[in-house]
Amino acid sequence: MQAWQVHENGEPGEVMRLADVPPPTPGEGQVLLRVRAANINFPDALLCRGQYQVRPPLPFTPGVEICGETEDGRRVIANPALPHGGFAEYALADERALLPAPDALDDAEAAALHIGYQTGWFGLHRRARLEAGETLLVHAAAGGVGSAAVQLGKAAGATVVGVVGGPDKAAVARELGCDVVVDRHAEDVVAAVKEATGGQGADVIYDPVGGQAYAQSAKTVAFEGRIVVVGFASGTIPSPALNHALVKNYAILGLHWGLYNTKNPELVRHCHEQLTELAARGVVKPLVSERVTLDGAADAVQRVADGRTTGRVAVVPENLDKGATA
C-alpha cells in the first residue's frame, strides 16, 4: 500500500515522504481499516515537527482522524493508532473506540465531524456550560476547529462573534452563521468586540490560537465569563495574569479532548450521538473546503500548518469519497 511516512522531525512539506509499505498488522484489540477519507488537523503538523504531546516512534504515518471501512463493510469514524496513521491506504484503530459514520455526511465530512466537533462540544457544553442567549466569541472562526465551534454555538442558541484574518475568511465566517465578524487584519479586535456586545464582553471565548488572541480574550471577556483554551495554533503559549482573572471574575478553562477517551469514553460516545443527531437535522455540517488525493497530502498538511486554509482539508485516497453509504 501507499503511505506517507516521517523519518525525521521537521516541517511537514519537507519530512513527509510517500512510500510503498506493507499494510499494518492489527495488534490485540485493533482493527485494520481501509481509509475512505483522512481529515487534516493541526496536530498532524505538530507530530511532524516532534512538538505534539504524543511522539510516535520514527518512522510513522501521520493522520489522526479518519473515516474508514472495516473488513466487514462498516463505515466508521476513528482516531488511528499511531504510528499507523491515516495518510495511507490502510490504518489501524482500537476496535472499542470506533464510532459509526453519520449517514447524513459523506466520507470527508464524516471524518471532520470527530476531533474538531467533539472538542467544540466538550469545550462549549461540558467545560463552559454555554447557555442560550449568551455571547460566544470564537477565534480563528473560519478554521477547522473554529468553524465547528461557530456551528455548535449557533445550535445552542448563542450570539456568535467570529474573529478571522482577512476578507476571504471573513466571508466564510459569515456563511457559517457568525452574527458578527471581526477581521483582525483590518480592525481593533478588542474595540470591535466591546462595540458588538454593548461594552459587556463575551460570556464564552473559544481560543484555539493562544498568543495575541489570548491577550484579546482577557480584555473582552464578560463578568463571570469563561475562556476555553483549546490550543496554541499561533505557536505562542500565553502566561495568564491570574490577578486579572480574580479582579474581573472570569474563569480560564483548559480542554484536552483526548483525555476523555481514557477518563470517560462513554461521554465521547454520548457526544457523538448528539453530533450525529445535529448532522441529521442539518444543523451542523463540517466545512470541507478542499479534498486532495493521497499524493497531495504533504503539501496540504503544510498549508494547514501555515494557516493558509479555511475549514477542513481532507485527504481522499483513490477518489473514494462518493457520498455516504446506505
C-alpha atoms as a PDB file:
ATOM      1  CA  MET A   1       0.000   0.000   0.000  1.00  0.00           C
ATOM      2  CA  GLN A   2       0.975   3.651  -0.237  1.00  0.00           C
ATOM      3  CA  ALA A   3       1.559   5.604   2.952  1.00  0.00           C
ATOM      4  CA  TRP A   4       3.161   8.893   3.946  1.00  0.00           C
ATOM      5  CA  GLN A   5       5.993   8.406   6.429  1.00  0.00           C
ATOM      6  CA  VAL A   6       8.027  10.744   8.596  1.00  0.00           C
ATOM      7  CA  HIS A   7      11.611   9.552   9.167  1.00  0.00           C
ATOM      8  CA  GLU A   8      12.836  12.728  10.879  1.00  0.00           C
ATOM      9  CA  ASN A   9      11.128  15.674  12.519  1.00  0.00           C
ATOM     10  CA  GLY A  10      10.641  18.934  10.686  1.00  0.00           C
ATOM     11  CA  GLU A  11       8.174  20.857   8.543  1.00  0.00           C
ATOM     12  CA  PRO A  12       5.522  18.558   7.002  1.00  0.00           C
ATOM     13  CA  GLY A  13       6.295  19.566   3.437  1.00  0.00           C
ATOM     14  CA  GLU A  14       9.943  18.636   3.960  1.00  0.00           C
ATOM     15  CA  VAL A  15       9.823  15.464   6.060  1.00  0.00           C
ATOM     16  CA  MET A  16       6.728  13.620   4.786  1.00  0.00           C
ATOM     17  CA  ARG A  17       7.648  11.015   2.170  1.00  0.00           C
ATOM     18  CA  LEU A  18       5.237   8.846   0.169  1.00  0.00           C
ATOM     19  CA  ALA A  19       6.333   5.204   0.160  1.00  0.00           C
ATOM     20  CA  ASP A  20       5.167   1.703  -0.719  1.00  0.00           C
ATOM     21  CA  VAL A  21       4.933  -0.260   2.525  1.00  0.00           C
ATOM     22  CA  PRO A  22       3.149  -3.418   3.697  1.00  0.00           C
ATOM     23  CA  PRO A  23      -0.294  -2.912   5.261  1.00  0.00           C
ATOM     24  CA  PRO A  24      -0.033  -2.734   9.077  1.00  0.00           C
ATOM     25  CA  THR A  25      -0.878  -5.790  11.134  1.00  0.00           C
ATOM     26  CA  PRO A  26      -3.506  -5.267  13.846  1.00  0.00           C
ATOM     27  CA  GLY A  27      -2.429  -5.874  17.423  1.00  0.00           C
ATOM     28  CA  GLU A  28      -4.660  -7.068  20.234  1.00  0.00           C
ATOM     29  CA  GLY A  29      -7.917  -5.107  20.271  1.00  0.00           C
ATOM     30  CA  GLN A  30      -7.124  -3.368  16.979  1.00  0.00           C
ATOM     31  CA  VAL A  31      -8.751  -3.482  13.551  1.00  0.00           C
ATOM     32  CA  LEU A  32      -7.464  -2.783  10.054  1.00  0.00           C
ATOM     33  CA  LEU A  33      -9.389  -0.015   8.286  1.00  0.00           C
ATOM     34  CA  ARG A  34      -9.426   0.945   4.647  1.00  0.00           C
ATOM     35  CA  VAL A  35      -9.094   4.729   4.686  1.00  0.00           C
ATOM     36  CA  ARG A  36     -12.014   6.388   2.906  1.00  0.00           C
ATOM     37  CA  ALA A  37     -11.011   9.928   3.947  1.00  0.00           C
ATOM     38  CA  ALA A  38      -8.452  11.387   6.348  1.00  0.00           C
ATOM     39  CA  ASN A  39      -9.044  14.835   7.774  1.00  0.00           C
ATOM     40  CA  ILE A  40      -6.006  17.089   8.286  1.00  0.00           C
ATOM     41  CA  ASN A  41      -5.631  18.547  11.783  1.00  0.00           C
ATOM     42  CA  PHE A  42      -3.070  20.976  13.178  1.00  0.00           C
ATOM     43  CA  PRO A  43      -1.746  18.184  15.456  1.00  0.00           C
ATOM     44  CA  ASP A  44      -0.603  16.392  12.289  1.00  0.00           C
ATOM     45  CA  ALA A  45       1.832  19.242  11.695  1.00  0.00           C
ATOM     46  CA  LEU A  46       2.918  19.159  15.336  1.00  0.00           C
ATOM     47  CA  LEU A  47       3.527  15.408  15.028  1.00  0.00           C
ATOM     48  CA  CYS A  48       5.781  16.018  12.031  1.00  0.00           C
ATOM     49  CA  ARG A  49       7.670  18.683  13.974  1.00  0.00           C
ATOM     50  CA  GLY A  50       8.009  16.485  17.058  1.00  0.00           C
ATOM     51  CA  GLN A  51       6.084  19.061  19.103  1.00  0.00           C
ATOM     52  CA  TYR A  52       2.922  17.112  19.903  1.00  0.00           C
ATOM     53  CA  GLN A  53       2.241  15.626  23.345  1.00  0.00           C
ATOM     54  CA  VAL A  54       2.316  12.186  21.707  1.00  0.00           C
ATOM     55  CA  ARG A  55       5.575  11.272  19.965  1.00  0.00           C
ATOM     56  CA  PRO A  56       5.280   8.063  17.954  1.00  0.00           C
ATOM     57  CA  PRO A  57       8.475   6.195  17.070  1.00  0.00           C
ATOM     58  CA  LEU A  58      10.104   7.042  13.755  1.00  0.00           C
ATOM     59  CA  PRO A  59       9.167   6.326  11.056  1.00  0.00           C
ATOM     60  CA  PHE A  60       5.455   6.971  11.488  1.00  0.00           C
ATOM     61  CA  THR A  61       2.459   7.845   9.347  1.00  0.00           C
ATOM     62  CA  PRO A  62       0.589  10.985  10.475  1.00  0.00           C
ATOM     63  CA  GLY A  63      -3.157  11.403  10.171  1.00  0.00           C
ATOM     64  CA  VAL A  64      -5.100  11.421  13.445  1.00  0.00           C
ATOM     65  CA  GLU A  65      -8.684  11.422  12.166  1.00  0.00           C
ATOM     66  CA  ILE A  66     -10.326   9.270   9.502  1.00  0.00           C
ATOM     67  CA  CYS A  67     -13.490   7.858   8.058  1.00  0.00           C
ATOM     68  CA  GLY A  68     -12.672   4.248   7.323  1.00  0.00           C
ATOM     69  CA  GLU A  69     -14.201   0.971   6.333  1.00  0.00           C
ATOM     70  CA  THR A  70     -13.922  -2.230   8.349  1.00  0.00           C
ATOM     71  CA  GLU A  71     -13.246  -5.590   6.759  1.00  0.00           C
ATOM     72  CA  ASP A  72     -16.926  -6.465   7.198  1.00  0.00           C
ATOM     73  CA  GLY A  73     -18.002  -3.296   5.364  1.00  0.00           C
ATOM     74  CA  ARG A  74     -18.959  -0.957   8.195  1.00  0.00           C
ATOM     75  CA  ARG A  75     -18.328   2.763   7.649  1.00  0.00           C
ATOM     76  CA  VAL A  76     -16.776   4.214  10.802  1.00  0.00           C
ATOM     77  CA  ILE A  77     -15.007   7.228  12.286  1.00  0.00           C
ATOM     78  CA  ALA A  78     -11.745   6.580  14.106  1.00  0.00           C
ATOM     79  CA  ASN A  79      -8.565   8.044  15.526  1.00  0.00           C
ATOM     80  CA  PRO A  80      -5.847   5.834  14.024  1.00  0.00           C
ATOM     81  CA  ALA A  81      -3.433   4.099  16.353  1.00  0.00           C
ATOM     82  CA  LEU A  82      -0.053   5.702  15.727  1.00  0.00           C
ATOM     83  CA  PRO A  83       2.448   5.029  14.235  1.00  0.00           C
ATOM     84  CA  HIS A  84      -0.037   3.753  11.620  1.00  0.00           C
ATOM     85  CA  GLY A  85      -1.919   6.982  10.931  1.00  0.00           C
ATOM     86  CA  GLY A  86      -4.497   7.943   8.352  1.00  0.00           C
ATOM     87  CA  PHE A  87      -2.456   9.379   5.488  1.00  0.00           C
ATOM     88  CA  ALA A  88      -2.283   5.959   3.890  1.00  0.00           C
ATOM     89  CA  GLU A  89      -4.492   3.469   2.129  1.00  0.00           C
ATOM     90  CA  TYR A  90      -4.920   1.460   5.334  1.00  0.00           C
ATOM     91  CA  ALA A  91      -4.664   2.363   9.014  1.00  0.00           C
ATOM     92  CA  LEU A  92      -5.066   0.730  12.407  1.00  0.00           C
ATOM     93  CA  ALA A  93      -7.510   1.733  15.131  1.00  0.00           C
ATOM     94  CA  ASP A  94      -8.696   0.482  18.506  1.00  0.00           C
ATOM     95  CA  GLU A  95     -11.858  -1.509  17.904  1.00  0.00           C
ATOM     96  CA  ARG A  96     -13.606  -0.330  21.079  1.00  0.00           C
ATOM     97  CA  ALA A  97     -13.202   3.320  20.052  1.00  0.00           C
ATOM     98  CA  LEU A  98     -14.827   3.030  16.611  1.00  0.00           C
ATOM     99  CA  LEU A  99     -17.845   5.267  16.048  1.00  0.00           C
ATOM    100  CA  PRO A 100     -20.465   4.842  13.301  1.00  0.00           C
ATOM    101  CA  ALA A 101     -20.114   7.376  10.489  1.00  0.00           C
ATOM    102  CA  PRO A 102     -23.292   9.500  10.187  1.00  0.00           C
ATOM    103  CA  ASP A 103     -25.353   8.622   7.114  1.00  0.00           C
ATOM    104  CA  ALA A 104     -26.078  12.320   6.561  1.00  0.00           C
ATOM    105  CA  LEU A 105     -22.413  13.085   5.815  1.00  0.00           C
ATOM    106  CA  ASP A 106     -20.068  11.980   3.055  1.00  0.00           C
ATOM    107  CA  ASP A 107     -16.703  10.436   3.880  1.00  0.00           C
ATOM    108  CA  ALA A 108     -14.706  13.662   4.156  1.00  0.00           C
ATOM    109  CA  GLU A 109     -17.432  15.370   6.192  1.00  0.00           C
ATOM    110  CA  ALA A 110     -17.758  12.357   8.481  1.00  0.00           C
ATOM    111  CA  ALA A 111     -14.006  12.318   9.123  1.00  0.00           C
ATOM    112  CA  ALA A 112     -14.186  16.016  10.006  1.00  0.00           C
ATOM    113  CA  LEU A 113     -17.045  15.567  12.478  1.00  0.00           C
ATOM    114  CA  HIS A 114     -14.806  13.933  15.042  1.00  0.00           C
ATOM    115  CA  ILE A 115     -11.960  15.809  16.780  1.00  0.00           C
ATOM    116  CA  GLY A 116     -12.958  19.391  15.978  1.00  0.00           C
ATOM    117  CA  TYR A 117     -16.633  18.933  16.775  1.00  0.00           C
ATOM    118  CA  GLN A 118     -16.013  16.787  19.832  1.00  0.00           C
ATOM    119  CA  THR A 119     -13.596  19.454  21.077  1.00  0.00           C
ATOM    120  CA  GLY A 120     -16.197  22.122  20.411  1.00  0.00           C
ATOM    121  CA  TRP A 121     -18.975  20.199  22.132  1.00  0.00           C
ATOM    122  CA  PHE A 122     -16.897  19.415  25.220  1.00  0.00           C
ATOM    123  CA  GLY A 123     -15.479  22.936  25.337  1.00  0.00           C
ATOM    124  CA  LEU A 124     -18.782  24.766  24.979  1.00  0.00           C
ATOM    125  CA  HIS A 125     -21.103  22.421  26.850  1.00  0.00           C
ATOM    126  CA  ARG A 126     -19.041  20.336  29.269  1.00  0.00           C
ATOM    127  CA  ARG A 127     -16.489  22.989  30.286  1.00  0.00           C
ATOM    128  CA  ALA A 128     -18.008  26.415  29.643  1.00  0.00           C
ATOM    129  CA  ARG A 129     -21.687  25.459  30.104  1.00  0.00           C
ATOM    130  CA  LEU A 130     -22.747  27.767  27.296  1.00  0.00           C
ATOM    131  CA  GLU A 131     -26.373  28.877  27.596  1.00  0.00           C
ATOM    132  CA  ALA A 132     -28.858  30.100  25.010  1.00  0.00           C
ATOM    133  CA  GLY A 133     -28.787  33.878  24.755  1.00  0.00           C
ATOM    134  CA  GLU A 134     -25.148  34.201  25.762  1.00  0.00           C
ATOM    135  CA  THR A 135     -22.460  35.680  23.526  1.00  0.00           C
ATOM    136  CA  LEU A 136     -19.759  33.350  22.230  1.00  0.00           C
ATOM    137  CA  LEU A 137     -16.531  34.698  20.749  1.00  0.00           C
ATOM    138  CA  VAL A 138     -14.607  32.289  18.514  1.00  0.00           C
ATOM    139  CA  HIS A 139     -11.020  32.973  17.478  1.00  0.00           C
ATOM    140  CA  ALA A 140      -9.965  31.641  14.047  1.00  0.00           C
ATOM    141  CA  ALA A 141     -13.661  31.238  13.281  1.00  0.00           C
ATOM    142  CA  ALA A 142     -13.084  30.176   9.660  1.00  0.00           C
ATOM    143  CA  GLY A 143     -10.601  27.429  10.539  1.00  0.00           C
ATOM    144  CA  GLY A 144     -11.283  23.765  11.129  1.00  0.00           C
ATOM    145  CA  VAL A 145     -11.618  23.995  14.911  1.00  0.00           C
ATOM    146  CA  GLY A 146     -13.215  27.430  14.936  1.00  0.00           C
ATOM    147  CA  SER A 147     -15.825  26.642  12.273  1.00  0.00           C
ATOM    148  CA  ALA A 148     -17.064  23.703  14.365  1.00  0.00           C
ATOM    149  CA  ALA A 149     -17.408  25.946  17.427  1.00  0.00           C
ATOM    150  CA  VAL A 150     -19.334  28.524  15.401  1.00  0.00           C
ATOM    151  CA  GLN A 151     -21.895  25.952  14.233  1.00  0.00           C
ATOM    152  CA  LEU A 152     -22.226  24.399  17.681  1.00  0.00           C
ATOM    153  CA  GLY A 153     -22.609  27.821  19.282  1.00  0.00           C
ATOM    154  CA  LYS A 154     -25.397  28.758  16.893  1.00  0.00           C
ATOM    155  CA  ALA A 155     -27.058  25.387  17.513  1.00  0.00           C
ATOM    156  CA  ALA A 156     -27.000  26.178  21.247  1.00  0.00           C
ATOM    157  CA  GLY A 157     -28.767  29.498  20.736  1.00  0.00           C
ATOM    158  CA  ALA A 158     -25.778  31.768  21.322  1.00  0.00           C
ATOM    159  CA  THR A 159     -24.920  35.006  19.565  1.00  0.00           C
ATOM    160  CA  VAL A 160     -21.609  34.239  17.837  1.00  0.00           C
ATOM    161  CA  VAL A 161     -18.797  36.719  17.227  1.00  0.00           C
ATOM    162  CA  GLY A 162     -16.125  35.327  14.911  1.00  0.00           C
ATOM    163  CA  VAL A 163     -12.568  36.673  14.730  1.00  0.00           C
ATOM    164  CA  VAL A 164     -10.742  35.921  11.477  1.00  0.00           C
ATOM    165  CA  GLY A 165      -7.700  37.023   9.494  1.00  0.00           C
ATOM    166  CA  GLY A 166      -8.555  38.542   6.121  1.00  0.00           C
ATOM    167  CA  PRO A 167     -11.607  39.253   3.940  1.00  0.00           C
ATOM    168  CA  ASP A 168     -11.800  35.760   2.435  1.00  0.00           C
ATOM    169  CA  LYS A 169     -12.009  34.160   5.863  1.00  0.00           C
ATOM    170  CA  ALA A 170     -14.485  36.832   6.949  1.00  0.00           C
ATOM    171  CA  ALA A 171     -16.785  35.751   4.106  1.00  0.00           C
ATOM    172  CA  VAL A 172     -16.506  32.120   5.219  1.00  0.00           C
ATOM    173  CA  ALA A 173     -17.311  33.056   8.824  1.00  0.00           C
ATOM    174  CA  ARG A 174     -20.456  34.858   7.712  1.00  0.00           C
ATOM    175  CA  GLU A 175     -21.548  31.845   5.681  1.00  0.00           C
ATOM    176  CA  LEU A 176     -21.015  29.661   8.747  1.00  0.00           C
ATOM    177  CA  GLY A 177     -23.530  31.793  10.635  1.00  0.00           C
ATOM    178  CA  CYS A 178     -21.488  34.260  12.687  1.00  0.00           C
ATOM    179  CA  ASP A 179     -23.686  37.152  13.818  1.00  0.00           C
ATOM    180  CA  VAL A 180     -20.681  39.481  13.955  1.00  0.00           C
ATOM    181  CA  VAL A 181     -17.376  39.029  12.112  1.00  0.00           C
ATOM    182  CA  VAL A 182     -14.194  40.857  13.115  1.00  0.00           C
ATOM    183  CA  ASP A 183     -11.225  40.936  10.724  1.00  0.00           C
ATOM    184  CA  ARG A 184      -8.180  41.176  12.950  1.00  0.00           C
ATOM    185  CA  HIS A 185      -6.103  42.381   9.995  1.00  0.00           C
ATOM    186  CA  ALA A 186      -8.301  45.428   9.483  1.00  0.00           C
ATOM    187  CA  GLU A 187      -9.965  46.095  12.849  1.00  0.00           C
ATOM    188  CA  ASP A 188      -9.125  46.550  16.508  1.00  0.00           C
ATOM    189  CA  VAL A 189     -10.431  43.259  17.895  1.00  0.00           C
ATOM    190  CA  VAL A 190     -10.940  44.494  21.451  1.00  0.00           C
ATOM    191  CA  ALA A 191     -12.804  47.636  20.384  1.00  0.00           C
ATOM    192  CA  ALA A 192     -14.921  45.746  17.852  1.00  0.00           C
ATOM    193  CA  VAL A 193     -15.978  43.065  20.348  1.00  0.00           C
ATOM    194  CA  LYS A 194     -16.843  45.621  23.012  1.00  0.00           C
ATOM    195  CA  GLU A 195     -18.913  47.564  20.497  1.00  0.00           C
ATOM    196  CA  ALA A 196     -20.701  44.399  19.349  1.00  0.00           C
ATOM    197  CA  THR A 197     -21.542  43.431  22.945  1.00  0.00           C
ATOM    198  CA  GLY A 198     -22.560  46.856  24.209  1.00  0.00           C
ATOM    199  CA  GLY A 199     -19.437  47.027  26.333  1.00  0.00           C
ATOM    200  CA  GLN A 200     -20.265  43.840  28.234  1.00  0.00           C
ATOM    201  CA  GLY A 201     -17.822  41.498  26.522  1.00  0.00           C
ATOM    202  CA  ALA A 202     -18.276  37.862  25.547  1.00  0.00           C
ATOM    203  CA  ASP A 203     -19.683  35.326  28.008  1.00  0.00           C
ATOM    204  CA  VAL A 204     -17.697  32.459  26.497  1.00  0.00           C
ATOM    205  CA  ILE A 205     -14.493  32.747  24.479  1.00  0.00           C
ATOM    206  CA  TYR A 206     -13.217  29.790  22.466  1.00  0.00           C
ATOM    207  CA  ASP A 207      -9.490  30.072  21.811  1.00  0.00           C
ATOM    208  CA  PRO A 208      -7.541  27.588  19.681  1.00  0.00           C
ATOM    209  CA  VAL A 209      -4.890  30.217  18.880  1.00  0.00           C
ATOM    210  CA  GLY A 210      -3.166  31.486  22.026  1.00  0.00           C
ATOM    211  CA  GLY A 211      -0.618  34.278  21.825  1.00  0.00           C
ATOM    212  CA  GLN A 212      -2.157  37.648  20.964  1.00  0.00           C
ATOM    213  CA  ALA A 213      -5.604  36.078  20.671  1.00  0.00           C
ATOM    214  CA  TYR A 214      -5.499  35.133  24.354  1.00  0.00           C
ATOM    215  CA  ALA A 215      -4.471  38.679  25.311  1.00  0.00           C
ATOM    216  CA  GLN A 216      -7.522  39.925  23.400  1.00  0.00           C
ATOM    217  CA  SER A 217      -9.690  37.349  25.159  1.00  0.00           C
ATOM    218  CA  ALA A 218      -8.675  38.602  28.594  1.00  0.00           C
ATOM    219  CA  LYS A 219      -9.645  42.136  27.559  1.00  0.00           C
ATOM    220  CA  THR A 220     -13.004  41.184  26.079  1.00  0.00           C
ATOM    221  CA  VAL A 221     -14.331  38.527  28.472  1.00  0.00           C
ATOM    222  CA  ALA A 222     -17.505  39.462  30.335  1.00  0.00           C
ATOM    223  CA  PHE A 223     -18.163  39.430  34.076  1.00  0.00           C
ATOM    224  CA  GLU A 224     -18.351  35.758  35.084  1.00  0.00           C
ATOM    225  CA  GLY A 225     -17.224  34.851  31.573  1.00  0.00           C
ATOM    226  CA  ARG A 226     -15.307  31.720  30.623  1.00  0.00           C
ATOM    227  CA  ILE A 227     -12.236  31.492  28.388  1.00  0.00           C
ATOM    228  CA  VAL A 228     -11.819  27.993  26.948  1.00  0.00           C
ATOM    229  CA  VAL A 229      -8.226  27.261  25.937  1.00  0.00           C
ATOM    230  CA  VAL A 230      -8.121  24.505  23.311  1.00  0.00           C
ATOM    231  CA  GLY A 231      -4.807  25.033  21.543  1.00  0.00           C
ATOM    232  CA  PHE A 232      -1.938  27.280  20.524  1.00  0.00           C
ATOM    233  CA  ALA A 233      -2.005  27.488  16.729  1.00  0.00           C
ATOM    234  CA  SER A 234      -0.072  30.760  16.932  1.00  0.00           C
ATOM    235  CA  GLY A 235       2.892  28.876  18.366  1.00  0.00           C
ATOM    236  CA  THR A 236       2.903  31.078  21.471  1.00  0.00           C
ATOM    237  CA  ILE A 237       1.666  29.729  24.802  1.00  0.00           C
ATOM    238  CA  PRO A 238       0.405  32.661  26.907  1.00  0.00           C
ATOM    239  CA  SER A 239       1.029  33.149  30.612  1.00  0.00           C
ATOM    240  CA  PRO A 240      -2.319  34.254  32.094  1.00  0.00           C
ATOM    241  CA  ALA A 241      -2.361  37.017  34.697  1.00  0.00           C
ATOM    242  CA  LEU A 242      -4.286  35.295  37.465  1.00  0.00           C
ATOM    243  CA  ASN A 243      -4.739  38.536  39.376  1.00  0.00           C
ATOM    244  CA  HIS A 244      -6.657  39.831  36.339  1.00  0.00           C
ATOM    245  CA  ALA A 245      -8.924  36.762  36.379  1.00  0.00           C
ATOM    246  CA  LEU A 246      -9.532  37.386  40.067  1.00  0.00           C
ATOM    247  CA  VAL A 247     -10.461  41.072  39.892  1.00  0.00           C
ATOM    248  CA  LYS A 248     -12.608  40.616  36.760  1.00  0.00           C
ATOM    249  CA  ASN A 249     -14.352  37.430  37.919  1.00  0.00           C
ATOM    250  CA  TYR A 250     -13.760  35.172  34.933  1.00  0.00           C
ATOM    251  CA  ALA A 251     -12.660  31.575  34.558  1.00  0.00           C
ATOM    252  CA  ILE A 252      -9.861  30.096  32.456  1.00  0.00           C
ATOM    253  CA  LEU A 253     -10.732  26.564  31.379  1.00  0.00           C
ATOM    254  CA  GLY A 254      -8.378  24.118  29.733  1.00  0.00           C
ATOM    255  CA  LEU A 255      -9.620  21.442  27.372  1.00  0.00           C
ATOM    256  CA  HIS A 256      -7.631  18.417  26.222  1.00  0.00           C
ATOM    257  CA  TRP A 257     -10.297  16.375  24.478  1.00  0.00           C
ATOM    258  CA  GLY A 258      -8.093  13.292  24.135  1.00  0.00           C
ATOM    259  CA  LEU A 259      -8.224  12.733  27.890  1.00  0.00           C
ATOM    260  CA  TYR A 260     -11.905  11.855  27.668  1.00  0.00           C
ATOM    261  CA  ASN A 261     -11.029   8.808  25.566  1.00  0.00           C
ATOM    262  CA  THR A 262      -9.313   7.327  28.614  1.00  0.00           C
ATOM    263  CA  LYS A 263     -11.031   9.086  31.524  1.00  0.00           C
ATOM    264  CA  ASN A 264     -14.643   8.923  30.321  1.00  0.00           C
ATOM    265  CA  PRO A 265     -15.052   7.188  26.929  1.00  0.00           C
ATOM    266  CA  GLU A 266     -18.807   6.814  27.383  1.00  0.00           C
ATOM    267  CA  LEU A 267     -19.092  10.594  27.343  1.00  0.00           C
ATOM    268  CA  VAL A 268     -17.301  10.596  23.975  1.00  0.00           C
ATOM    269  CA  ARG A 269     -19.941   8.217  22.622  1.00  0.00           C
ATOM    270  CA  HIS A 270     -22.716  10.365  24.074  1.00  0.00           C
ATOM    271  CA  CYS A 271     -21.197  13.402  22.371  1.00  0.00           C
ATOM    272  CA  HIS A 272     -21.053  11.519  19.065  1.00  0.00           C
ATOM    273  CA  GLU A 273     -24.737  10.682  19.376  1.00  0.00           C
ATOM    274  CA  GLN A 274     -25.510  14.369  19.899  1.00  0.00           C
ATOM    275  CA  LEU A 275     -23.372  15.380  16.911  1.00  0.00           C
ATOM    276  CA  THR A 276     -24.927  12.696  14.706  1.00  0.00           C
ATOM    277  CA  GLU A 277     -28.391  13.994  15.559  1.00  0.00           C
ATOM    278  CA  LEU A 278     -27.352  17.580  14.782  1.00  0.00           C
ATOM    279  CA  ALA A 279     -25.892  16.427  11.457  1.00  0.00           C
ATOM    280  CA  ALA A 280     -29.070  14.523  10.588  1.00  0.00           C
ATOM    281  CA  ARG A 281     -31.069  17.698  11.228  1.00  0.00           C
ATOM    282  CA  GLY A 282     -28.686  19.706   9.069  1.00  0.00           C
ATOM    283  CA  VAL A 283     -27.813  21.956  11.996  1.00  0.00           C
ATOM    284  CA  VAL A 284     -24.104  21.165  11.742  1.00  0.00           C
ATOM    285  CA  LYS A 285     -22.195  20.234   8.623  1.00  0.00           C
ATOM    286  CA  PRO A 286     -18.381  20.201   8.595  1.00  0.00           C
ATOM    287  CA  LEU A 287     -16.929  22.776   6.248  1.00  0.00           C
ATOM    288  CA  VAL A 288     -14.685  20.697   3.968  1.00  0.00           C
ATOM    289  CA  SER A 289     -13.100  23.370   1.810  1.00  0.00           C
ATOM    290  CA  GLU A 290     -10.861  21.030  -0.171  1.00  0.00           C
ATOM    291  CA  ARG A 291     -10.404  17.359  -0.990  1.00  0.00           C
ATOM    292  CA  VAL A 292      -6.965  16.230  -2.153  1.00  0.00           C
ATOM    293  CA  THR A 293      -5.754  12.845  -3.349  1.00  0.00           C
ATOM    294  CA  LEU A 294      -3.215  10.904  -1.336  1.00  0.00           C
ATOM    295  CA  ASP A 295      -0.259  12.234  -3.285  1.00  0.00           C
ATOM    296  CA  GLY A 296      -1.176  15.809  -2.292  1.00  0.00           C
ATOM    297  CA  ALA A 297      -1.219  15.166   1.455  1.00  0.00           C
ATOM    298  CA  ALA A 298       2.186  16.620   2.389  1.00  0.00           C
ATOM    299  CA  ASP A 299       1.505  19.929   0.670  1.00  0.00           C
ATOM    300  CA  ALA A 300      -1.942  20.106   2.246  1.00  0.00           C
ATOM    301  CA  VAL A 301      -0.605  19.429   5.758  1.00  0.00           C
ATOM    302  CA  GLN A 302       1.953  22.196   5.257  1.00  0.00           C
ATOM    303  CA  ARG A 303      -0.760  24.653   4.193  1.00  0.00           C
ATOM    304  CA  VAL A 304      -2.796  23.796   7.275  1.00  0.00           C
ATOM    305  CA  ALA A 305       0.327  24.281   9.410  1.00  0.00           C
ATOM    306  CA  ASP A 306       0.896  27.690   7.833  1.00  0.00           C
ATOM    307  CA  GLY A 307      -2.691  28.826   8.411  1.00  0.00           C
ATOM    308  CA  ARG A 308      -3.422  29.117   4.687  1.00  0.00           C
ATOM    309  CA  THR A 309      -6.649  27.096   4.653  1.00  0.00           C
ATOM    310  CA  THR A 310     -10.259  27.547   5.707  1.00  0.00           C
ATOM    311  CA  GLY A 311     -12.451  24.891   7.246  1.00  0.00           C
ATOM    312  CA  ARG A 312     -11.107  21.383   6.780  1.00  0.00           C
ATOM    313  CA  VAL A 313      -8.902  19.834   4.121  1.00  0.00           C
ATOM    314  CA  ALA A 314      -9.462  16.106   3.601  1.00  0.00           C
ATOM    315  CA  VAL A 315      -7.173  13.536   2.027  1.00  0.00           C
ATOM    316  CA  VAL A 316      -9.231  11.107  -0.048  1.00  0.00           C
ATOM    317  CA  PRO A 317      -7.293   8.054  -1.313  1.00  0.00           C
ATOM    318  CA  GLU A 318      -8.276   6.898  -4.810  1.00  0.00           C
ATOM    319  CA  ASN A 319     -11.166   9.407  -5.007  1.00  0.00           C
ATOM    320  CA  LEU A 320     -13.290   7.163  -2.820  1.00  0.00           C
ATOM    321  CA  ASP A 321     -15.405   9.987  -1.419  1.00  0.00           C
ATOM    322  CA  LYS A 322     -18.592   9.495  -3.408  1.00  0.00           C
ATOM    323  CA  GLY A 323     -21.045  10.281  -0.674  1.00  0.00           C
ATOM    324  CA  ALA A 324     -22.498   8.473   2.276  1.00  0.00           C
ATOM    325  CA  THR A 325     -23.230   4.794   2.020  1.00  0.00           C
ATOM    326  CA  ALA A 326     -26.612   3.295   2.681  1.00  0.00           C
END
